[in-house]
Each structure stands twice: as structure tokens, then as C-alpha cells.
Amino acid sequence: MLTRRDETWTQGTHINFRNMGKMNGSRGYQRKTNVYEVSAQADNFPLGRIAWYAHWRKYVFEPNSKCIFEESCLRDIAQFCEEETKAQKEDAKARKAAKA
């Protein structure tokens, strides 16, 4: 289960999600979507990141090497990706309608 603390922090069962904002992409361009850092609650150890994957048009989880996850963490990550993808698509649709 996810608990939204504020615009920056979301808490899962054993993990936290931190909104890092619209960071620069690998080629130096400004992203249109947010990047999220995923870390363990117990020690704030970085587990990976969630970022927009344009080819699939959704948010995906990119784990750090040698990290392992149990089912409740995987459910939290999947739920977070689904919710953020839905919000991003709604936001993009609203921006497109505002231009028209």
C-alpha cells in the first residue's frame, strides 16, 4: 500500500519513492517527465529509479545491480508505476487540449 506524504515523497510497505523532478536526460535535454529514486526505508539504501520509457509510453523501474525484492516491494513498485503513468497521460492529454 502506498501513502503519499507530499509532492516529493511516497511511502510503500518497505520502500520510499522520492520525486527527483524533471532531470536532464542522457543527451543533456530537459525531460518532460519526472524521475523517481527508490530506496529502502530501513537505511535509505538506493534500490533503483523509476523513469519514463518512451517506447512503451509508461513509467518503468530500473533496479540497481544486486538488489533483491520480495513480493510486497514489487507490488508497491508496480502500483507506483501504474499510478504515475496514469497521471502523466492525463497531464499530457490536458496540455494537448489546452493547446487546441
N, C-alpha and C. Protein backbone atom coordinates (compact mmCIF):
# COMPACT_ATOMS: atom_id res chain seq x y z
N MET A 1 0.83 -1.17 0.00
CA MET A 1 0.00 0.00 0.00
C MET A 1 0.89 1.25 0.00
N LEU A 2 0.53 2.22 -0.82
CA LEU A 2 1.30 3.45 -0.93
C LEU A 2 0.64 4.58 -0.16
N THR A 3 1.46 5.40 0.49
CA THR A 3 0.99 6.58 1.20
C THR A 3 1.73 7.78 0.64
N ARG A 4 0.98 8.71 0.05
CA ARG A 4 1.58 9.93 -0.49
C ARG A 4 1.80 10.91 0.65
N ARG A 5 3.06 11.22 0.96
CA ARG A 5 3.38 12.16 2.04
C ARG A 5 3.24 13.61 1.57
N ASP A 6 3.76 13.89 0.38
CA ASP A 6 3.65 15.21 -0.25
C ASP A 6 4.02 15.04 -1.72
N GLU A 7 4.29 16.13 -2.40
CA GLU A 7 4.64 16.07 -3.83
C GLU A 7 5.97 15.36 -4.08
N THR A 8 6.81 15.29 -3.06
CA THR A 8 8.15 14.72 -3.23
C THR A 8 8.26 13.28 -2.74
N TRP A 9 7.59 12.95 -1.64
CA TRP A 9 7.77 11.64 -1.01
C TRP A 9 6.52 10.78 -1.05
N THR A 10 6.71 9.49 -1.37
CA THR A 10 5.67 8.47 -1.29
C THR A 10 6.26 7.31 -0.53
N GLN A 11 5.50 6.77 0.41
CA GLN A 11 5.98 5.67 1.25
C GLN A 11 5.23 4.39 0.90
N GLY A 12 6.01 3.31 0.68
CA GLY A 12 5.44 1.99 0.46
C GLY A 12 5.56 1.17 1.73
N THR A 13 5.39 -0.13 1.62
CA THR A 13 5.48 -1.02 2.77
C THR A 13 6.87 -1.02 3.37
N HIS A 14 7.89 -1.21 2.53
CA HIS A 14 9.28 -1.25 3.00
C HIS A 14 10.19 -0.30 2.22
N ILE A 15 9.63 0.44 1.27
CA ILE A 15 10.44 1.30 0.40
C ILE A 15 9.84 2.70 0.30
N ASN A 16 10.68 3.65 -0.08
CA ASN A 16 10.26 5.03 -0.30
C ASN A 16 10.51 5.42 -1.75
N PHE A 17 9.69 6.32 -2.24
CA PHE A 17 9.84 6.88 -3.58
C PHE A 17 10.04 8.38 -3.42
N ARG A 18 11.08 8.92 -4.04
CA ARG A 18 11.37 10.34 -3.95
C ARG A 18 11.36 10.95 -5.35
N ASN A 19 10.53 11.98 -5.53
CA ASN A 19 10.45 12.67 -6.81
C ASN A 19 11.68 13.54 -6.98
N MET A 20 12.48 13.23 -7.98
CA MET A 20 13.70 13.99 -8.25
C MET A 20 13.46 15.11 -9.25
N GLY A 21 12.24 15.22 -9.75
CA GLY A 21 11.90 16.27 -10.71
C GLY A 21 12.22 15.87 -12.14
N LYS A 22 12.19 16.84 -13.00
CA LYS A 22 12.45 16.63 -14.42
C LYS A 22 13.94 16.81 -14.70
N MET A 23 14.70 15.81 -14.36
CA MET A 23 16.16 15.86 -14.50
C MET A 23 16.55 15.84 -15.98
N ASN A 24 17.75 16.29 -16.28
CA ASN A 24 18.24 16.25 -17.65
C ASN A 24 18.42 14.81 -18.11
N GLY A 25 18.11 14.58 -19.37
CA GLY A 25 18.26 13.26 -19.96
C GLY A 25 19.71 12.94 -20.28
N SER A 26 19.95 11.76 -20.81
CA SER A 26 21.31 11.31 -21.09
C SER A 26 22.00 12.15 -22.16
N ARG A 27 21.24 12.80 -23.00
CA ARG A 27 21.83 13.62 -24.05
C ARG A 27 21.78 15.11 -23.71
N GLY A 28 21.50 15.43 -22.44
CA GLY A 28 21.52 16.80 -21.99
C GLY A 28 20.23 17.58 -22.17
N TYR A 29 19.19 16.97 -22.73
CA TYR A 29 17.92 17.66 -22.92
C TYR A 29 17.09 17.63 -21.64
N GLN A 30 16.19 18.59 -21.50
CA GLN A 30 15.31 18.64 -20.33
C GLN A 30 14.16 17.64 -20.51
N ARG A 31 13.98 16.77 -19.55
CA ARG A 31 12.90 15.78 -19.61
C ARG A 31 11.54 16.45 -19.47
N LYS A 32 10.52 15.79 -20.02
CA LYS A 32 9.14 16.23 -19.85
C LYS A 32 8.46 15.52 -18.70
N THR A 33 9.11 14.47 -18.19
CA THR A 33 8.53 13.65 -17.14
C THR A 33 9.47 13.59 -15.93
N ASN A 34 8.91 13.23 -14.80
CA ASN A 34 9.69 13.15 -13.57
C ASN A 34 10.50 11.86 -13.49
N VAL A 35 11.55 11.90 -12.69
CA VAL A 35 12.35 10.72 -12.37
C VAL A 35 12.21 10.51 -10.86
N TYR A 36 12.07 9.26 -10.44
CA TYR A 36 11.88 8.94 -9.02
C TYR A 36 12.99 8.02 -8.54
N GLU A 37 13.51 8.32 -7.36
CA GLU A 37 14.51 7.48 -6.71
C GLU A 37 13.77 6.51 -5.79
N VAL A 38 14.13 5.24 -5.84
CA VAL A 38 13.53 4.23 -4.97
C VAL A 38 14.58 3.80 -3.95
N SER A 39 14.22 3.85 -2.66
CA SER A 39 15.18 3.49 -1.62
C SER A 39 14.51 2.69 -0.51
N ALA A 40 15.32 1.95 0.24
CA ALA A 40 14.82 1.16 1.36
C ALA A 40 14.48 2.09 2.53
N GLN A 41 13.40 1.80 3.23
CA GLN A 41 13.01 2.62 4.37
C GLN A 41 13.98 2.47 5.53
N ALA A 42 14.45 1.26 5.76
CA ALA A 42 15.27 0.99 6.94
C ALA A 42 16.57 1.79 6.97
N ASP A 43 17.27 1.84 5.83
CA ASP A 43 18.58 2.50 5.82
C ASP A 43 18.77 3.48 4.67
N ASN A 44 17.69 3.76 3.94
CA ASN A 44 17.72 4.69 2.81
C ASN A 44 18.66 4.23 1.70
N PHE A 45 18.92 2.94 1.62
CA PHE A 45 19.80 2.37 0.59
C PHE A 45 19.12 2.51 -0.78
N PRO A 46 19.82 3.05 -1.79
CA PRO A 46 19.22 3.22 -3.11
C PRO A 46 18.99 1.87 -3.81
N LEU A 47 17.76 1.62 -4.21
CA LEU A 47 17.40 0.36 -4.85
C LEU A 47 17.27 0.47 -6.36
N GLY A 48 17.05 1.67 -6.84
CA GLY A 48 16.89 1.88 -8.28
C GLY A 48 16.17 3.18 -8.54
N ARG A 49 15.65 3.31 -9.76
CA ARG A 49 14.90 4.51 -10.11
C ARG A 49 13.73 4.16 -11.01
N ILE A 50 12.76 5.05 -11.01
CA ILE A 50 11.60 4.91 -11.89
C ILE A 50 11.63 6.09 -12.83
N ALA A 51 11.58 5.80 -14.13
CA ALA A 51 11.65 6.85 -15.15
C ALA A 51 10.72 6.50 -16.30
N TRP A 52 10.37 7.51 -17.07
CA TRP A 52 9.51 7.33 -18.23
C TRP A 52 10.27 6.61 -19.33
N TYR A 53 9.66 5.57 -19.91
CA TYR A 53 10.25 4.84 -21.02
C TYR A 53 9.39 5.11 -22.25
N ALA A 54 9.90 5.97 -23.13
CA ALA A 54 9.11 6.48 -24.25
C ALA A 54 8.60 5.39 -25.19
N HIS A 55 9.38 4.35 -25.41
CA HIS A 55 8.97 3.30 -26.34
C HIS A 55 7.71 2.57 -25.87
N TRP A 56 7.56 2.43 -24.56
CA TRP A 56 6.37 1.77 -24.01
C TRP A 56 5.32 2.77 -23.55
N ARG A 57 5.69 4.06 -23.55
CA ARG A 57 4.80 5.15 -23.11
C ARG A 57 4.28 4.90 -21.70
N LYS A 58 5.22 4.57 -20.80
CA LYS A 58 4.88 4.36 -19.39
C LYS A 58 6.12 4.44 -18.53
N TYR A 59 5.89 4.56 -17.22
CA TYR A 59 7.00 4.55 -16.28
C TYR A 59 7.47 3.11 -16.05
N VAL A 60 8.79 2.95 -15.91
CA VAL A 60 9.38 1.63 -15.67
C VAL A 60 10.36 1.73 -14.50
N PHE A 61 10.60 0.61 -13.86
CA PHE A 61 11.55 0.52 -12.75
C PHE A 61 12.87 0.00 -13.28
N GLU A 62 13.94 0.71 -12.96
CA GLU A 62 15.30 0.32 -13.33
C GLU A 62 16.07 0.01 -12.05
N PRO A 63 16.16 -1.27 -11.66
CA PRO A 63 16.81 -1.61 -10.38
C PRO A 63 18.33 -1.46 -10.45
N ASN A 64 18.91 -1.13 -9.31
CA ASN A 64 20.37 -1.15 -9.20
C ASN A 64 20.83 -2.60 -9.18
N SER A 65 22.07 -2.85 -9.54
CA SER A 65 22.58 -4.22 -9.60
C SER A 65 22.61 -4.86 -8.21
N LYS A 66 22.39 -6.14 -8.20
CA LYS A 66 22.44 -6.98 -7.00
C LYS A 66 21.41 -6.60 -5.93
N CYS A 67 20.33 -5.93 -6.32
CA CYS A 67 19.24 -5.66 -5.38
C CYS A 67 18.21 -6.77 -5.52
N ILE A 68 17.68 -7.20 -4.40
CA ILE A 68 16.64 -8.22 -4.41
C ILE A 68 15.37 -7.64 -3.79
N PHE A 69 14.23 -8.18 -4.19
CA PHE A 69 12.94 -7.65 -3.75
C PHE A 69 12.01 -8.80 -3.40
N GLU A 70 11.17 -8.55 -2.41
CA GLU A 70 10.13 -9.52 -2.09
C GLU A 70 8.81 -9.00 -2.65
N GLU A 71 7.75 -9.80 -2.55
CA GLU A 71 6.51 -9.52 -3.27
C GLU A 71 5.84 -8.20 -2.89
N SER A 72 5.87 -7.79 -1.62
CA SER A 72 5.18 -6.54 -1.28
C SER A 72 5.92 -5.34 -1.87
N CYS A 73 7.24 -5.38 -1.93
CA CYS A 73 8.00 -4.30 -2.57
C CYS A 73 7.70 -4.24 -4.06
N LEU A 74 7.65 -5.41 -4.70
CA LEU A 74 7.35 -5.45 -6.13
C LEU A 74 5.95 -4.93 -6.42
N ARG A 75 4.99 -5.24 -5.54
CA ARG A 75 3.62 -4.72 -5.69
C ARG A 75 3.61 -3.20 -5.56
N ASP A 76 4.33 -2.69 -4.57
CA ASP A 76 4.41 -1.23 -4.37
C ASP A 76 5.02 -0.55 -5.59
N ILE A 77 6.08 -1.13 -6.12
CA ILE A 77 6.75 -0.56 -7.29
C ILE A 77 5.79 -0.58 -8.49
N ALA A 78 5.11 -1.70 -8.71
CA ALA A 78 4.17 -1.80 -9.82
C ALA A 78 3.02 -0.81 -9.67
N GLN A 79 2.48 -0.70 -8.46
CA GLN A 79 1.38 0.24 -8.21
C GLN A 79 1.84 1.67 -8.47
N PHE A 80 3.04 2.02 -8.00
CA PHE A 80 3.57 3.36 -8.19
C PHE A 80 3.73 3.66 -9.68
N CYS A 81 4.30 2.73 -10.43
CA CYS A 81 4.47 2.91 -11.87
C CYS A 81 3.12 3.11 -12.56
N GLU A 82 2.13 2.30 -12.20
CA GLU A 82 0.80 2.42 -12.80
C GLU A 82 0.16 3.77 -12.49
N GLU A 83 0.23 4.21 -11.24
CA GLU A 83 -0.37 5.48 -10.84
C GLU A 83 0.32 6.67 -11.52
N GLU A 84 1.64 6.65 -11.58
CA GLU A 84 2.36 7.75 -12.20
C GLU A 84 2.16 7.77 -13.72
N THR A 85 2.07 6.60 -14.34
CA THR A 85 1.79 6.53 -15.77
C THR A 85 0.43 7.13 -16.06
N LYS A 86 -0.56 6.77 -15.28
CA LYS A 86 -1.92 7.29 -15.46
C LYS A 86 -1.93 8.81 -15.30
N ALA A 87 -1.26 9.32 -14.26
CA ALA A 87 -1.21 10.76 -14.01
C ALA A 87 -0.49 11.48 -15.16
N GLN A 88 0.60 10.91 -15.66
CA GLN A 88 1.35 11.52 -16.75
C GLN A 88 0.51 11.59 -18.02
N LYS A 89 -0.21 10.52 -18.33
CA LYS A 89 -1.03 10.51 -19.53
C LYS A 89 -2.19 11.50 -19.43
N GLU A 90 -2.78 11.62 -18.24
CA GLU A 90 -3.85 12.60 -18.04
C GLU A 90 -3.32 14.02 -18.17
N ASP A 91 -2.12 14.26 -17.63
CA ASP A 91 -1.50 15.58 -17.72
C ASP A 91 -1.16 15.93 -19.17
N ALA A 92 -0.64 14.97 -19.91
CA ALA A 92 -0.30 15.20 -21.32
C ALA A 92 -1.56 15.47 -22.13
N LYS A 93 -2.63 14.77 -21.82
CA LYS A 93 -3.90 14.97 -22.52
C LYS A 93 -4.44 16.37 -22.23
N ALA A 94 -4.34 16.82 -20.99
CA ALA A 94 -4.81 18.16 -20.61
C ALA A 94 -3.98 19.24 -21.30
N ARG A 95 -2.66 19.04 -21.37
CA ARG A 95 -1.80 20.01 -22.05
C ARG A 95 -2.13 20.09 -23.53
N LYS A 96 -2.41 18.96 -24.14
CA LYS A 96 -2.74 18.91 -25.55
C LYS A 96 -4.07 19.62 -25.81
N ALA A 97 -5.04 19.41 -24.92
CA ALA A 97 -6.36 20.06 -25.06
C ALA A 97 -6.24 21.57 -24.88
N ALA A 98 -5.34 22.00 -24.00
CA ALA A 98 -5.16 23.43 -23.75
C ALA A 98 -4.55 24.14 -24.97
N LYS A 99 -3.73 23.43 -25.72
CA LYS A 99 -3.13 23.99 -26.92
C LYS A 99 -4.14 24.17 -28.03
N ALA A 100 -5.14 23.29 -28.06
CA ALA A 100 -6.13 23.31 -29.15
C ALA A 100 -7.12 24.44 -29.04
